[in-house]
Amino acid sequence: NKNGNLEWYPIKNLLTCLTILGLAAFFLVFVLFLFFDDGMIGIGQRYFQAMFPKLDHIEQNHVNEIISTISQIFPALAVTSWILMNILNCVLAQKIVVMSGKNIRPTPSYSATGAVIWPLSPAIIGIILSNFSGQIGFLGINIFIISIIPFFFIGLAVVHSVSVSWPGRLLILTMVYILMAITHWPAAMIAAIGILEYWFKFRNRSTGGK
């Protein structure tokens, strides 16, 4: 840094870079597909209709509803998966080089990942746009989901940090992850914690401000 001390690139900035890349990639593809019939929505629906052919034991209306829902948020799911895979690869790569004694950077404290606030702006824009129909609404809901990804990881860092002194911590964290795999509301709550961390500093409160 400017004081001549060794300072490693913050984890929160890596989250920022991945999120910006994800938003930029989605917007570019969205614009390109506007030249096709029905844009990304139509292409997504046709793709999933081919994946889920008519099934005799399931009402076709129900299948169509599922296809419509997935098509609306598929770009955001793809970006989320890409960011998650990048993070997992980074964590695994760091673990491997540490075990082999060849790491240059010390393993960071992931639970100390700093809070950010800038993704809240595109998230709010996404919420506003999602109230419109058609391509604009589609653009808005995906911008919103992609923009809250950093808050989700910051929220996880908060949960892992403040739960250090909890009895039965491993069981509680295991249940949290299982619930996230089953339903979406725990992930939404964790993302909300990630947003609030910027103002309320939950981790500082749990450690007495240390």
Protein backbone atom coordinates (compact mmCIF):
# COMPACT_ATOMS: atom_id res chain seq x y z
CA ASN A 1 0.00 0.00 0.00
CA LYS A 2 0.99 3.69 0.07
CA ASN A 3 2.72 3.16 3.43
CA GLY A 4 4.99 0.50 2.01
CA ASN A 5 3.28 -2.36 3.88
CA LEU A 6 2.32 -5.63 2.18
CA GLU A 7 -1.42 -5.70 1.54
CA TRP A 8 -3.27 -8.47 -0.26
CA TYR A 9 -6.15 -7.78 -2.64
CA PRO A 10 -9.38 -7.75 -0.56
CA ILE A 11 -11.86 -10.58 -1.01
CA LYS A 12 -14.72 -8.09 -1.28
CA ASN A 13 -13.05 -6.57 -4.35
CA LEU A 14 -12.84 -10.00 -5.98
CA LEU A 15 -16.58 -10.40 -5.36
CA THR A 16 -17.08 -6.98 -6.92
CA CYS A 17 -15.09 -7.91 -10.05
CA LEU A 18 -16.99 -11.19 -10.52
CA THR A 19 -20.35 -9.45 -10.08
CA ILE A 20 -19.49 -6.68 -12.54
CA LEU A 21 -18.32 -9.25 -15.08
CA GLY A 22 -21.53 -11.23 -14.57
CA LEU A 23 -23.72 -8.16 -15.02
CA ALA A 24 -21.77 -7.04 -18.10
CA ALA A 25 -21.94 -10.50 -19.71
CA PHE A 26 -25.68 -10.79 -19.08
CA PHE A 27 -26.40 -7.32 -20.46
CA LEU A 28 -24.29 -7.95 -23.58
CA VAL A 29 -26.03 -11.26 -24.31
CA PHE A 30 -29.41 -9.67 -23.57
CA VAL A 31 -28.78 -6.92 -26.15
CA LEU A 32 -27.49 -9.40 -28.74
CA PHE A 33 -30.54 -11.65 -28.38
CA LEU A 34 -32.90 -8.71 -28.89
CA PHE A 35 -32.26 -9.26 -32.61
CA PHE A 36 -33.94 -12.69 -32.34
CA ASP A 37 -37.65 -13.43 -31.96
CA ASP A 38 -38.77 -12.80 -28.35
CA GLY A 39 -35.16 -12.20 -27.27
CA MET A 40 -33.63 -14.23 -24.46
CA ILE A 41 -37.07 -15.05 -23.06
CA GLY A 42 -38.23 -16.80 -26.20
CA ILE A 43 -34.95 -18.61 -26.73
CA GLY A 44 -34.96 -19.77 -23.10
CA GLN A 45 -38.53 -21.02 -23.33
CA ARG A 46 -37.86 -22.96 -26.54
CA TYR A 47 -34.72 -24.46 -25.03
CA PHE A 48 -36.48 -25.68 -21.89
CA GLN A 49 -39.49 -26.89 -23.86
CA ALA A 50 -37.11 -29.12 -25.79
CA MET A 51 -35.61 -30.34 -22.50
CA PHE A 52 -39.01 -31.06 -20.95
CA PRO A 53 -41.16 -32.76 -23.57
CA LYS A 54 -44.81 -33.49 -22.93
CA LEU A 55 -45.22 -35.95 -20.08
CA ASP A 56 -48.42 -37.98 -19.74
CA HIS A 57 -48.33 -38.11 -15.94
CA ILE A 58 -47.85 -34.35 -15.47
CA GLU A 59 -50.33 -31.67 -16.46
CA GLN A 60 -48.89 -29.72 -19.38
CA ASN A 61 -50.04 -26.44 -17.86
CA HIS A 62 -47.92 -27.16 -14.81
CA VAL A 63 -44.92 -27.95 -17.00
CA ASN A 64 -45.43 -24.72 -18.95
CA GLU A 65 -45.53 -22.72 -15.70
CA ILE A 66 -42.24 -24.26 -14.59
CA ILE A 67 -40.65 -23.55 -17.98
CA SER A 68 -41.88 -19.95 -17.90
CA THR A 69 -40.48 -19.39 -14.40
CA ILE A 70 -37.09 -20.94 -15.16
CA SER A 71 -36.81 -19.03 -18.43
CA GLN A 72 -37.34 -15.73 -16.62
CA ILE A 73 -34.42 -16.20 -14.21
CA PHE A 74 -32.17 -18.63 -16.08
CA PRO A 75 -29.52 -15.97 -16.98
CA ALA A 76 -29.21 -14.99 -13.32
CA LEU A 77 -28.95 -18.65 -12.30
CA ALA A 78 -26.20 -19.17 -14.89
CA VAL A 79 -24.24 -16.14 -13.63
CA THR A 80 -24.72 -17.26 -10.01
CA SER A 81 -23.39 -20.71 -10.89
CA TRP A 82 -20.40 -19.17 -12.69
CA ILE A 83 -19.52 -16.93 -9.74
CA LEU A 84 -19.94 -19.82 -7.29
CA MET A 85 -17.69 -22.07 -9.36
CA ASN A 86 -15.03 -19.36 -9.53
CA ILE A 87 -15.13 -18.90 -5.76
CA LEU A 88 -14.99 -22.64 -5.07
CA ASN A 89 -12.09 -23.02 -7.52
CA CYS A 90 -10.20 -20.17 -5.80
CA VAL A 91 -10.75 -21.65 -2.34
CA LEU A 92 -9.73 -25.13 -3.50
CA ALA A 93 -6.67 -23.83 -5.37
CA GLN A 94 -5.56 -21.86 -2.30
CA LYS A 95 -5.97 -24.95 -0.12
CA ILE A 96 -3.91 -27.08 -2.51
CA VAL A 97 -1.01 -24.63 -2.75
CA VAL A 98 -1.02 -24.15 1.04
CA MET A 99 -0.89 -27.92 1.59
CA SER A 100 2.02 -28.16 -0.85
CA GLY A 101 3.80 -25.24 0.83
CA LYS A 102 3.92 -23.23 -2.41
CA ASN A 103 1.44 -20.49 -1.55
CA ILE A 104 2.51 -16.87 -1.93
CA ARG A 105 -0.59 -15.35 -0.37
CA PRO A 106 -1.64 -16.49 3.13
CA THR A 107 -5.10 -18.02 3.28
CA PRO A 108 -7.51 -15.13 3.90
CA SER A 109 -10.15 -15.17 6.60
CA TYR A 110 -13.26 -15.68 4.49
CA SER A 111 -15.53 -14.90 7.45
CA ALA A 112 -13.90 -11.44 7.60
CA THR A 113 -14.89 -10.56 4.03
CA GLY A 114 -15.56 -6.81 4.00
CA ALA A 115 -19.01 -5.35 3.41
CA VAL A 116 -19.86 -3.51 0.19
CA ILE A 117 -22.85 -1.34 -0.65
CA TRP A 118 -22.55 -0.44 -4.36
CA PRO A 119 -24.54 -3.50 -5.64
CA LEU A 120 -27.59 -2.09 -3.86
CA SER A 121 -27.94 0.57 -6.58
CA PRO A 122 -28.28 -1.85 -9.55
CA ALA A 123 -30.41 -4.11 -7.34
CA ILE A 124 -32.89 -1.26 -6.75
CA ILE A 125 -32.87 -0.45 -10.46
CA GLY A 126 -33.56 -4.12 -11.14
CA ILE A 127 -36.53 -4.12 -8.74
CA ILE A 128 -38.00 -1.08 -10.49
CA LEU A 129 -37.54 -2.57 -13.97
CA SER A 130 -38.97 -5.92 -12.87
CA ASN A 131 -42.37 -4.26 -12.40
CA PHE A 132 -42.61 -3.84 -16.16
CA SER A 133 -43.67 -6.63 -18.50
CA GLY A 134 -41.79 -8.24 -21.36
CA GLN A 135 -38.10 -7.73 -22.01
CA ILE A 136 -37.75 -4.82 -19.55
CA GLY A 137 -39.15 -6.88 -16.67
CA PHE A 138 -36.94 -9.79 -17.68
CA LEU A 139 -33.91 -7.50 -17.67
CA GLY A 140 -34.86 -6.11 -14.27
CA ILE A 141 -35.37 -9.39 -12.38
CA ASN A 142 -32.06 -10.77 -13.62
CA ILE A 143 -30.15 -7.58 -12.80
CA PHE A 144 -31.65 -7.72 -9.30
CA ILE A 145 -30.67 -11.36 -8.66
CA ILE A 146 -27.13 -10.93 -10.00
CA SER A 147 -26.63 -7.72 -8.00
CA ILE A 148 -27.47 -9.32 -4.65
CA ILE A 149 -24.95 -12.16 -5.08
CA PRO A 150 -22.17 -10.25 -3.21
CA PHE A 151 -24.58 -9.60 -0.33
CA PHE A 152 -25.28 -13.33 -0.10
CA PHE A 153 -21.59 -14.17 0.34
CA ILE A 154 -21.09 -11.30 2.79
CA GLY A 155 -24.11 -12.57 4.71
CA LEU A 156 -22.57 -16.04 4.85
CA ALA A 157 -19.35 -14.50 6.17
CA VAL A 158 -21.37 -12.73 8.88
CA VAL A 159 -23.20 -15.92 9.87
CA HIS A 160 -19.94 -17.88 10.10
CA SER A 161 -18.29 -15.10 12.10
CA VAL A 162 -21.02 -14.38 14.66
CA SER A 163 -21.77 -18.08 15.20
CA VAL A 164 -18.27 -18.91 16.45
CA SER A 165 -19.37 -18.86 20.11
CA TRP A 166 -22.76 -20.53 19.53
CA PRO A 167 -23.31 -23.96 21.11
CA GLY A 168 -24.07 -26.52 18.42
CA ARG A 169 -22.63 -24.21 15.75
CA LEU A 170 -21.81 -27.02 13.30
CA LEU A 171 -25.34 -28.41 13.48
CA ILE A 172 -26.88 -24.94 13.02
CA LEU A 173 -24.69 -24.14 10.00
CA THR A 174 -25.42 -27.56 8.50
CA MET A 175 -29.16 -26.94 8.82
CA VAL A 176 -28.79 -23.50 7.23
CA TYR A 177 -27.04 -24.99 4.20
CA ILE A 178 -29.57 -27.81 3.92
CA LEU A 179 -32.45 -25.32 4.03
CA MET A 180 -30.79 -23.22 1.34
CA ALA A 181 -30.57 -26.30 -0.87
CA ILE A 182 -34.27 -27.03 -0.34
CA THR A 183 -35.87 -23.59 -0.47
CA HIS A 184 -34.93 -20.02 -1.36
CA TRP A 185 -35.98 -18.00 1.70
CA PRO A 186 -32.86 -18.76 3.84
CA ALA A 187 -30.65 -17.46 1.00
CA ALA A 188 -32.81 -14.31 0.80
CA MET A 189 -32.44 -13.79 4.56
CA ILE A 190 -28.67 -14.23 4.37
CA ALA A 191 -28.48 -11.72 1.50
CA ALA A 192 -30.49 -9.29 3.65
CA ILE A 193 -27.98 -9.78 6.48
CA GLY A 194 -25.20 -9.02 3.98
CA ILE A 195 -26.90 -5.73 3.07
CA LEU A 196 -27.48 -4.73 6.71
CA GLU A 197 -23.90 -5.58 7.68
CA TYR A 198 -22.69 -2.42 5.95
CA TRP A 199 -24.56 -0.25 8.45
CA PHE A 200 -24.96 -2.41 11.57
CA LYS A 201 -21.54 -4.14 11.67
CA PHE A 202 -22.88 -7.37 13.19
CA ARG A 203 -19.41 -8.92 13.32
CA ASN A 204 -17.99 -6.03 15.33
CA ARG A 205 -20.90 -6.24 17.75
CA SER A 206 -20.39 -9.98 18.24
CA THR A 207 -16.72 -9.48 19.11
CA GLY A 208 -17.23 -6.39 21.24
CA GLY A 209 -15.93 -4.09 18.50
CA LYS A 210 -12.57 -5.85 18.18
